[in-house]
Amino acid sequence: MCRNIRTLHNFEPAAGDDEIRAAALQYVRKISGSSKPSKANEEVFWRAVDEIAHLTGHLLDDLVTSAPPKDREVEAAKAKERSARRFATT
C-alpha cells in the first residue's frame, strides 16, 4: 500500500471528507504516476479523484465491524514508535 494512504475505517471520530479526498488524491497520483496532471489529462485526473472519494465515502459508511473504534492519537503514537524503531541508528 502507498505509505501516504492511511486506514480510514473504524476511527472515532469517523474520517472526514478532507481525509477521504486526500486518500483518493494519493491513490490517483500513485496509479497515474504523476503528482500533477498535464493539461490534457487534468479533467480525467480530477474526475477520478472525485469519483474515488465519493465511492470511498460509501464504502466507509457501509462497512460494519464489531471491533471498538480506534483512537487517532493512540494510532499516531504507535506509528511514531514503529518509525523510530525502523529508522533507529545503532
PDB file of N, CA and C in Angstrom:
ATOM      1  N   MET A   1       0.850  -1.177   0.000  1.00  0.00           N
ATOM      2  CA  MET A   1       0.000   0.000   0.000  1.00  0.00           C
ATOM      3  C   MET A   1       0.894   1.239   0.000  1.00  0.00           C
ATOM      4  N   CYS A   2       0.424   2.254  -0.643  1.00  0.00           N
ATOM      5  CA  CYS A   2       1.137   3.526  -0.648  1.00  0.00           C
ATOM      6  C   CYS A   2       1.231   4.040   0.788  1.00  0.00           C
ATOM      7  N   ARG A   3       2.395   4.462   1.206  1.00  0.00           N
ATOM      8  CA  ARG A   3       2.579   4.894   2.585  1.00  0.00           C
ATOM      9  C   ARG A   3       1.726   6.098   2.962  1.00  0.00           C
ATOM     10  N   ASN A   4       1.378   6.920   1.995  1.00  0.00           N
ATOM     11  CA  ASN A   4       0.611   8.122   2.302  1.00  0.00           C
ATOM     12  C   ASN A   4      -0.883   7.858   2.431  1.00  0.00           C
ATOM     13  N   ILE A   5      -1.334   6.690   2.047  1.00  0.00           N
ATOM     14  CA  ILE A   5      -2.743   6.363   2.194  1.00  0.00           C
ATOM     15  C   ILE A   5      -2.903   5.645   3.529  1.00  0.00           C
ATOM     16  N   ARG A   6      -3.723   6.212   4.379  1.00  0.00           N
ATOM     17  CA  ARG A   6      -3.921   5.677   5.721  1.00  0.00           C
ATOM     18  C   ARG A   6      -5.251   4.956   5.823  1.00  0.00           C
ATOM     19  N   THR A   7      -5.335   4.031   6.755  1.00  0.00           N
ATOM     20  CA  THR A   7      -6.596   3.373   7.045  1.00  0.00           C
ATOM     21  C   THR A   7      -7.573   4.422   7.563  1.00  0.00           C
ATOM     22  N   LEU A   8      -8.782   4.410   7.023  1.00  0.00           N
ATOM     23  CA  LEU A   8      -9.787   5.390   7.416  1.00  0.00           C
ATOM     24  C   LEU A   8     -10.967   4.764   8.146  1.00  0.00           C
ATOM     25  N   HIS A   9     -11.055   3.445   8.116  1.00  0.00           N
ATOM     26  CA  HIS A   9     -12.198   2.749   8.704  1.00  0.00           C
ATOM     27  C   HIS A   9     -12.037   2.565  10.208  1.00  0.00           C
ATOM     28  N   ASN A  10     -13.157   2.693  10.901  1.00  0.00           N
ATOM     29  CA  ASN A  10     -13.280   2.374  12.329  1.00  0.00           C
ATOM     30  C   ASN A  10     -12.477   3.309  13.225  1.00  0.00           C
ATOM     31  N   PHE A  11     -12.559   4.600  12.961  1.00  0.00           N
ATOM     32  CA  PHE A  11     -11.957   5.595  13.836  1.00  0.00           C
ATOM     33  C   PHE A  11     -13.056   6.440  14.455  1.00  0.00           C
ATOM     34  N   GLU A  12     -12.783   6.942  15.632  1.00  0.00           N
ATOM     35  CA  GLU A  12     -13.692   7.863  16.286  1.00  0.00           C
ATOM     36  C   GLU A  12     -12.928   9.149  16.549  1.00  0.00           C
ATOM     37  N   PRO A  13     -13.317  10.256  15.984  1.00  0.00           N
ATOM     38  CA  PRO A  13     -14.454  10.439  15.089  1.00  0.00           C
ATOM     39  C   PRO A  13     -14.153   9.850  13.714  1.00  0.00           C
ATOM     40  N   ALA A  14     -15.216   9.606  12.972  1.00  0.00           N
ATOM     41  CA  ALA A  14     -15.095   8.995  11.644  1.00  0.00           C
ATOM     42  C   ALA A  14     -14.301   9.895  10.704  1.00  0.00           C
ATOM     43  N   ALA A  15     -13.722   9.288   9.687  1.00  0.00           N
ATOM     44  CA  ALA A  15     -12.956  10.036   8.689  1.00  0.00           C
ATOM     45  C   ALA A  15     -13.838  11.100   8.043  1.00  0.00           C
ATOM     46  N   GLY A  16     -13.265  12.275   7.877  1.00  0.00           N
ATOM     47  CA  GLY A  16     -13.999  13.372   7.265  1.00  0.00           C
ATOM     48  C   GLY A  16     -13.779  13.422   5.766  1.00  0.00           C
ATOM     49  N   ASP A  17     -14.532  14.302   5.127  1.00  0.00           N
ATOM     50  CA  ASP A  17     -14.427  14.462   3.675  1.00  0.00           C
ATOM     51  C   ASP A  17     -13.014  14.822   3.243  1.00  0.00           C
ATOM     52  N   ASP A  18     -12.323  15.655   4.023  1.00  0.00           N
ATOM     53  CA  ASP A  18     -10.953  16.055   3.665  1.00  0.00           C
ATOM     54  C   ASP A  18     -10.000  14.864   3.666  1.00  0.00           C
ATOM     55  N   GLU A  19     -10.127  14.005   4.675  1.00  0.00           N
ATOM     56  CA  GLU A  19      -9.273  12.815   4.746  1.00  0.00           C
ATOM     57  C   GLU A  19      -9.568  11.860   3.596  1.00  0.00           C
ATOM     58  N   ILE A  20     -10.844  11.694   3.301  1.00  0.00           N
ATOM     59  CA  ILE A  20     -11.232  10.798   2.214  1.00  0.00           C
ATOM     60  C   ILE A  20     -10.714  11.321   0.886  1.00  0.00           C
ATOM     61  N   ARG A  21     -10.846  12.619   0.646  1.00  0.00           N
ATOM     62  CA  ARG A  21     -10.371  13.209  -0.607  1.00  0.00           C
ATOM     63  C   ARG A  21      -8.841  13.118  -0.702  1.00  0.00           C
ATOM     64  N   ALA A  22      -8.143  13.330   0.406  1.00  0.00           N
ATOM     65  CA  ALA A  22      -6.680  13.225   0.399  1.00  0.00           C
ATOM     66  C   ALA A  22      -6.238  11.809   0.035  1.00  0.00           C
ATOM     67  N   ALA A  23      -6.934  10.808   0.570  1.00  0.00           N
ATOM     68  CA  ALA A  23      -6.601   9.417   0.243  1.00  0.00           C
ATOM     69  C   ALA A  23      -6.884   9.135  -1.227  1.00  0.00           C
ATOM     70  N   ALA A  24      -8.007   9.660  -1.737  1.00  0.00           N
ATOM     71  CA  ALA A  24      -8.344   9.466  -3.151  1.00  0.00           C
ATOM     72  C   ALA A  24      -7.300  10.121  -4.044  1.00  0.00           C
ATOM     73  N   LEU A  25      -6.856  11.309  -3.660  1.00  0.00           N
ATOM     74  CA  LEU A  25      -5.832  12.013  -4.436  1.00  0.00           C
ATOM     75  C   LEU A  25      -4.525  11.227  -4.446  1.00  0.00           C
ATOM     76  N   GLN A  26      -4.110  10.698  -3.312  1.00  0.00           N
ATOM     77  CA  GLN A  26      -2.885   9.910  -3.251  1.00  0.00           C
ATOM     78  C   GLN A  26      -3.008   8.653  -4.111  1.00  0.00           C
ATOM     79  N   TYR A  27      -4.172   8.040  -4.081  1.00  0.00           N
ATOM     80  CA  TYR A  27      -4.403   6.840  -4.893  1.00  0.00           C
ATOM     81  C   TYR A  27      -4.284   7.161  -6.378  1.00  0.00           C
ATOM     82  N   VAL A  28      -4.946   8.223  -6.826  1.00  0.00           N
ATOM     83  CA  VAL A  28      -4.903   8.588  -8.243  1.00  0.00           C
ATOM     84  C   VAL A  28      -3.487   8.985  -8.649  1.00  0.00           C
ATOM     85  N   ARG A  29      -2.784   9.680  -7.780  1.00  0.00           N
ATOM     86  CA  ARG A  29      -1.380  10.035  -8.074  1.00  0.00           C
ATOM     87  C   ARG A  29      -0.538   8.781  -8.253  1.00  0.00           C
ATOM     88  N   LYS A  30      -0.727   7.821  -7.378  1.00  0.00           N
ATOM     89  CA  LYS A  30       0.051   6.585  -7.441  1.00  0.00           C
ATOM     90  C   LYS A  30      -0.263   5.805  -8.717  1.00  0.00           C
ATOM     91  N   ILE A  31      -1.543   5.658  -9.009  1.00  0.00           N
ATOM     92  CA  ILE A  31      -1.966   4.884 -10.177  1.00  0.00           C
ATOM     93  C   ILE A  31      -1.541   5.556 -11.476  1.00  0.00           C
ATOM     94  N   SER A  32      -1.691   6.894 -11.540  1.00  0.00           N
ATOM     95  CA  SER A  32      -1.378   7.610 -12.782  1.00  0.00           C
ATOM     96  C   SER A  32       0.111   7.842 -12.966  1.00  0.00           C
ATOM     97  N   GLY A  33       0.853   7.791 -11.871  1.00  0.00           N
ATOM     98  CA  GLY A  33       2.298   8.011 -11.963  1.00  0.00           C
ATOM     99  C   GLY A  33       2.684   9.473 -12.021  1.00  0.00           C
ATOM    100  N   SER A  34       1.751  10.355 -11.680  1.00  0.00           N
ATOM    101  CA  SER A  34       2.095  11.780 -11.680  1.00  0.00           C
ATOM    102  C   SER A  34       1.411  12.478 -10.510  1.00  0.00           C
ATOM    103  N   SER A  35       2.111  13.439  -9.946  1.00  0.00           N
ATOM    104  CA  SER A  35       1.533  14.179  -8.826  1.00  0.00           C
ATOM    105  C   SER A  35       0.703  15.356  -9.313  1.00  0.00           C
ATOM    106  N   LYS A  36       0.965  15.788 -10.529  1.00  0.00           N
ATOM    107  CA  LYS A  36       0.193  16.873 -11.122  1.00  0.00           C
ATOM    108  C   LYS A  36      -0.084  16.496 -12.574  1.00  0.00           C
ATOM    109  N   PRO A  37      -1.363  16.446 -12.950  1.00  0.00           N
ATOM    110  CA  PRO A  37      -1.680  16.016 -14.313  1.00  0.00           C
ATOM    111  C   PRO A  37      -1.323  17.080 -15.345  1.00  0.00           C
ATOM    112  N   SER A  38      -1.055  16.626 -16.554  1.00  0.00           N
ATOM    113  CA  SER A  38      -0.859  17.556 -17.670  1.00  0.00           C
ATOM    114  C   SER A  38      -2.200  18.192 -18.001  1.00  0.00           C
ATOM    115  N   LYS A  39      -2.173  19.261 -18.753  1.00  0.00           N
ATOM    116  CA  LYS A  39      -3.419  19.918 -19.163  1.00  0.00           C
ATOM    117  C   LYS A  39      -4.334  18.936 -19.903  1.00  0.00           C
ATOM    118  N   ALA A  40      -3.742  18.066 -20.706  1.00  0.00           N
ATOM    119  CA  ALA A  40      -4.525  17.099 -21.475  1.00  0.00           C
ATOM    120  C   ALA A  40      -5.245  16.098 -20.571  1.00  0.00           C
ATOM    121  N   ASN A  41      -4.674  15.809 -19.406  1.00  0.00           N
ATOM    122  CA  ASN A  41      -5.242  14.803 -18.505  1.00  0.00           C
ATOM    123  C   ASN A  41      -5.889  15.389 -17.257  1.00  0.00           C
ATOM    124  N   GLU A  42      -5.869  16.692 -17.140  1.00  0.00           N
ATOM    125  CA  GLU A  42      -6.351  17.338 -15.919  1.00  0.00           C
ATOM    126  C   GLU A  42      -7.813  16.994 -15.592  1.00  0.00           C
ATOM    127  N   GLU A  43      -8.687  17.035 -16.580  1.00  0.00           N
ATOM    128  CA  GLU A  43     -10.102  16.769 -16.338  1.00  0.00           C
ATOM    129  C   GLU A  43     -10.333  15.341 -15.853  1.00  0.00           C
ATOM    130  N   VAL A  44      -9.726  14.362 -16.525  1.00  0.00           N
ATOM    131  CA  VAL A  44      -9.947  12.970 -16.122  1.00  0.00           C
ATOM    132  C   VAL A  44      -9.283  12.668 -14.777  1.00  0.00           C
ATOM    133  N   PHE A  45      -8.164  13.312 -14.514  1.00  0.00           N
ATOM    134  CA  PHE A  45      -7.467  13.137 -13.237  1.00  0.00           C
ATOM    135  C   PHE A  45      -8.377  13.564 -12.084  1.00  0.00           C
ATOM    136  N   TRP A  46      -8.904  14.784 -12.154  1.00  0.00           N
ATOM    137  CA  TRP A  46      -9.736  15.304 -11.070  1.00  0.00           C
ATOM    138  C   TRP A  46     -11.087  14.613 -10.994  1.00  0.00           C
ATOM    139  N   ARG A  47     -11.598  14.172 -12.138  1.00  0.00           N
ATOM    140  CA  ARG A  47     -12.846  13.409 -12.119  1.00  0.00           C
ATOM    141  C   ARG A  47     -12.621  12.083 -11.391  1.00  0.00           C
ATOM    142  N   ALA A  48     -11.474  11.455 -11.631  1.00  0.00           N
ATOM    143  CA  ALA A  48     -11.153  10.199 -10.941  1.00  0.00           C
ATOM    144  C   ALA A  48     -11.047  10.427  -9.433  1.00  0.00           C
ATOM    145  N   VAL A  49     -10.400  11.518  -9.027  1.00  0.00           N
ATOM    146  CA  VAL A  49     -10.289  11.828  -7.595  1.00  0.00           C
ATOM    147  C   VAL A  49     -11.685  11.983  -6.991  1.00  0.00           C
ATOM    148  N   ASP A  50     -12.547  12.744  -7.670  1.00  0.00           N
ATOM    149  CA  ASP A  50     -13.913  12.953  -7.168  1.00  0.00           C
ATOM    150  C   ASP A  50     -14.684  11.644  -7.052  1.00  0.00           C
ATOM    151  N   GLU A  51     -14.607  10.811  -8.079  1.00  0.00           N
ATOM    152  CA  GLU A  51     -15.355   9.553  -8.079  1.00  0.00           C
ATOM    153  C   GLU A  51     -14.837   8.584  -7.020  1.00  0.00           C
ATOM    154  N   ILE A  52     -13.525   8.501  -6.882  1.00  0.00           N
ATOM    155  CA  ILE A  52     -12.946   7.595  -5.885  1.00  0.00           C
ATOM    156  C   ILE A  52     -13.277   8.079  -4.481  1.00  0.00           C
ATOM    157  N   ALA A  53     -13.224   9.384  -4.250  1.00  0.00           N
ATOM    158  CA  ALA A  53     -13.593   9.924  -2.944  1.00  0.00           C
ATOM    159  C   ALA A  53     -15.058   9.614  -2.635  1.00  0.00           C
ATOM    160  N   HIS A  54     -15.926   9.781  -3.622  1.00  0.00           N
ATOM    161  CA  HIS A  54     -17.349   9.506  -3.447  1.00  0.00           C
ATOM    162  C   HIS A  54     -17.575   8.030  -3.086  1.00  0.00           C
ATOM    163  N   LEU A  55     -16.969   7.140  -3.840  1.00  0.00           N
ATOM    164  CA  LEU A  55     -17.131   5.702  -3.578  1.00  0.00           C
ATOM    165  C   LEU A  55     -16.502   5.291  -2.250  1.00  0.00           C
ATOM    166  N   THR A  56     -15.388   5.910  -1.898  1.00  0.00           N
ATOM    167  CA  THR A  56     -14.747   5.611  -0.619  1.00  0.00           C
ATOM    168  C   THR A  56     -15.652   6.010   0.536  1.00  0.00           C
ATOM    169  N   GLY A  57     -16.302   7.146   0.401  1.00  0.00           N
ATOM    170  CA  GLY A  57     -17.261   7.569   1.425  1.00  0.00           C
ATOM    171  C   GLY A  57     -18.367   6.545   1.603  1.00  0.00           C
ATOM    172  N   HIS A  58     -18.908   6.034   0.491  1.00  0.00           N
ATOM    173  CA  HIS A  58     -19.935   4.997   0.572  1.00  0.00           C
ATOM    174  C   HIS A  58     -19.388   3.720   1.223  1.00  0.00           C
ATOM    175  N   LEU A  59     -18.191   3.334   0.839  1.00  0.00           N
ATOM    176  CA  LEU A  59     -17.578   2.138   1.423  1.00  0.00           C
ATOM    177  C   LEU A  59     -17.450   2.285   2.936  1.00  0.00           C
ATOM    178  N   LEU A  60     -16.905   3.404   3.385  1.00  0.00           N
ATOM    179  CA  LEU A  60     -16.721   3.606   4.820  1.00  0.00           C
ATOM    180  C   LEU A  60     -18.054   3.638   5.559  1.00  0.00           C
ATOM    181  N   ASP A  61     -19.084   4.206   4.929  1.00  0.00           N
ATOM    182  CA  ASP A  61     -20.410   4.245   5.553  1.00  0.00           C
ATOM    183  C   ASP A  61     -21.016   2.856   5.679  1.00  0.00           C
ATOM    184  N   ASP A  62     -20.725   1.976   4.724  1.00  0.00           N
ATOM    185  CA  ASP A  62     -21.370   0.664   4.678  1.00  0.00           C
ATOM    186  C   ASP A  62     -20.611  -0.440   5.412  1.00  0.00           C
ATOM    187  N   LEU A  63     -19.333  -0.244   5.688  1.00  0.00           N
ATOM    188  CA  LEU A  63     -18.563  -1.278   6.395  1.00  0.00           C
ATOM    189  C   LEU A  63     -19.077  -1.435   7.821  1.00  0.00           C
ATOM    190  N   VAL A  64     -19.092  -2.667   8.299  1.00  0.00           N
ATOM    191  CA  VAL A  64     -19.501  -2.950   9.674  1.00  0.00           C
ATOM    192  C   VAL A  64     -18.368  -3.698  10.376  1.00  0.00           C
ATOM    193  N   THR A  65     -18.288  -3.495  11.667  1.00  0.00           N
ATOM    194  CA  THR A  65     -17.280  -4.186  12.465  1.00  0.00           C
ATOM    195  C   THR A  65     -17.777  -4.310  13.892  1.00  0.00           C
ATOM    196  N   SER A  66     -17.293  -5.323  14.579  1.00  0.00           N
ATOM    197  CA  SER A  66     -17.633  -5.479  15.992  1.00  0.00           C
ATOM    198  C   SER A  66     -16.501  -4.958  16.875  1.00  0.00           C
ATOM    199  N   ALA A  67     -15.411  -4.559  16.247  1.00  0.00           N
ATOM    200  CA  ALA A  67     -14.267  -4.032  17.000  1.00  0.00           C
ATOM    201  C   ALA A  67     -14.575  -2.615  17.493  1.00  0.00           C
ATOM    202  N   PRO A  68     -14.052  -2.267  18.643  1.00  0.00           N
ATOM    203  CA  PRO A  68     -14.265  -0.895  19.120  1.00  0.00           C
ATOM    204  C   PRO A  68     -13.514   0.092  18.230  1.00  0.00           C
ATOM    205  N   PRO A  69     -14.012   1.314  18.106  1.00  0.00           N
ATOM    206  CA  PRO A  69     -13.333   2.306  17.265  1.00  0.00           C
ATOM    207  C   PRO A  69     -11.930   2.599  17.781  1.00  0.00           C
ATOM    208  N   LYS A  70     -11.030   2.869  16.844  1.00  0.00           N
ATOM    209  CA  LYS A  70      -9.654   3.197  17.192  1.00  0.00           C
ATOM    210  C   LYS A  70      -9.548   4.685  17.500  1.00  0.00           C
ATOM    211  N   ASP A  71      -8.597   5.008  18.358  1.00  0.00           N
ATOM    212  CA  ASP A  71      -8.321   6.393  18.729  1.00  0.00           C
ATOM    213  C   ASP A  71      -7.194   6.909  17.843  1.00  0.00           C
ATOM    214  N   ARG A  72      -7.396   8.038  17.198  1.00  0.00           N
ATOM    215  CA  ARG A  72      -6.395   8.590  16.271  1.00  0.00           C
ATOM    216  C   ARG A  72      -5.069   8.897  16.963  1.00  0.00           C
ATOM    217  N   GLU A  73      -5.130   9.444  18.155  1.00  0.00           N
ATOM    218  CA  GLU A  73      -3.896   9.791  18.862  1.00  0.00           C
ATOM    219  C   GLU A  73      -3.095   8.555  19.242  1.00  0.00           C
ATOM    220  N   VAL A  74      -3.778   7.513  19.680  1.00  0.00           N
ATOM    221  CA  VAL A  74      -3.107   6.258  20.045  1.00  0.00           C
ATOM    222  C   VAL A  74      -2.468   5.638  18.804  1.00  0.00           C
ATOM    223  N   GLU A  75      -3.200   5.611  17.694  1.00  0.00           N
ATOM    224  CA  GLU A  75      -2.661   5.040  16.455  1.00  0.00           C
ATOM    225  C   GLU A  75      -1.476   5.857  15.938  1.00  0.00           C
ATOM    226  N   ALA A  76      -1.536   7.172  16.072  1.00  0.00           N
ATOM    227  CA  ALA A  76      -0.421   8.027  15.646  1.00  0.00           C
ATOM    228  C   ALA A  76       0.816   7.766  16.501  1.00  0.00           C
ATOM    229  N   ALA A  77       0.616   7.565  17.799  1.00  0.00           N
ATOM    230  CA  ALA A  77       1.737   7.261  18.684  1.00  0.00           C
ATOM    231  C   ALA A  77       2.369   5.922  18.327  1.00  0.00           C
ATOM    232  N   LYS A  78       1.535   4.925  18.007  1.00  0.00           N
ATOM    233  CA  LYS A  78       2.055   3.615  17.593  1.00  0.00           C
ATOM    234  C   LYS A  78       2.882   3.741  16.309  1.00  0.00           C
ATOM    235  N   ALA A  79       2.367   4.518  15.357  1.00  0.00           N
ATOM    236  CA  ALA A  79       3.081   4.711  14.088  1.00  0.00           C
ATOM    237  C   ALA A  79       4.413   5.417  14.323  1.00  0.00           C
ATOM    238  N   LYS A  80       4.423   6.388  15.206  1.00  0.00           N
ATOM    239  CA  LYS A  80       5.660   7.111  15.512  1.00  0.00           C
ATOM    240  C   LYS A  80       6.680   6.175  16.155  1.00  0.00           C
ATOM    241  N   GLU A  81       6.203   5.322  17.037  1.00  0.00           N
ATOM    242  CA  GLU A  81       7.091   4.348  17.688  1.00  0.00           C
ATOM    243  C   GLU A  81       7.662   3.360  16.674  1.00  0.00           C
ATOM    244  N   ARG A  82       6.810   2.860  15.760  1.00  0.00           N
ATOM    245  CA  ARG A  82       7.293   1.943  14.720  1.00  0.00           C
ATOM    246  C   ARG A  82       8.348   2.624  13.856  1.00  0.00           C
ATOM    247  N   SER A  83       8.104   3.865  13.517  1.00  0.00           N
ATOM    248  CA  SER A  83       9.053   4.619  12.689  1.00  0.00           C
ATOM    249  C   SER A  83      10.383   4.810  13.413  1.00  0.00           C
ATOM    250  N   ALA A  84      10.317   5.135  14.694  1.00  0.00           N
ATOM    251  CA  ALA A  84      11.537   5.321  15.479  1.00  0.00           C
ATOM    252  C   ALA A  84      12.347   4.034  15.535  1.00  0.00           C
ATOM    253  N   ARG A  85      11.673   2.887  15.719  1.00  0.00           N
ATOM    254  CA  ARG A  85      12.378   1.601  15.745  1.00  0.00           C
ATOM    255  C   ARG A  85      12.964   1.290  14.380  1.00  0.00           C
ATOM    256  N   ARG A  86      12.202   1.564  13.338  1.00  0.00           N
ATOM    257  CA  ARG A  86      12.644   1.237  11.981  1.00  0.00           C
ATOM    258  C   ARG A  86      13.869   2.047  11.565  1.00  0.00           C
ATOM    259  N   PHE A  87      13.872   3.312  11.921  1.00  0.00           N
ATOM    260  CA  PHE A  87      14.951   4.184  11.468  1.00  0.00           C
ATOM    261  C   PHE A  87      15.976   4.496  12.568  1.00  0.00           C
ATOM    262  N   ALA A  88      15.944   3.732  13.634  1.00  0.00           N
ATOM    263  CA  ALA A  88      16.888   3.939  14.726  1.00  0.00           C
ATOM    264  C   ALA A  88      18.307   3.626  14.260  1.00  0.00           C
ATOM    265  N   THR A  89      19.223   4.434  14.707  1.00  0.00           N
ATOM    266  CA  THR A  89      20.634   4.174  14.402  1.00  0.00           C
ATOM    267  C   THR A  89      21.268   3.486  15.600  1.00  0.00           C
ATOM    268  N   THR A  90      22.042   2.461  15.309  1.00  0.00           N
ATOM    269  CA  THR A  90      22.683   1.719  16.405  1.00  0.00           C
ATOM    270  C   THR A  90      24.176   1.836  16.309  1.00  0.00           C
TER     271      THR A  90
END
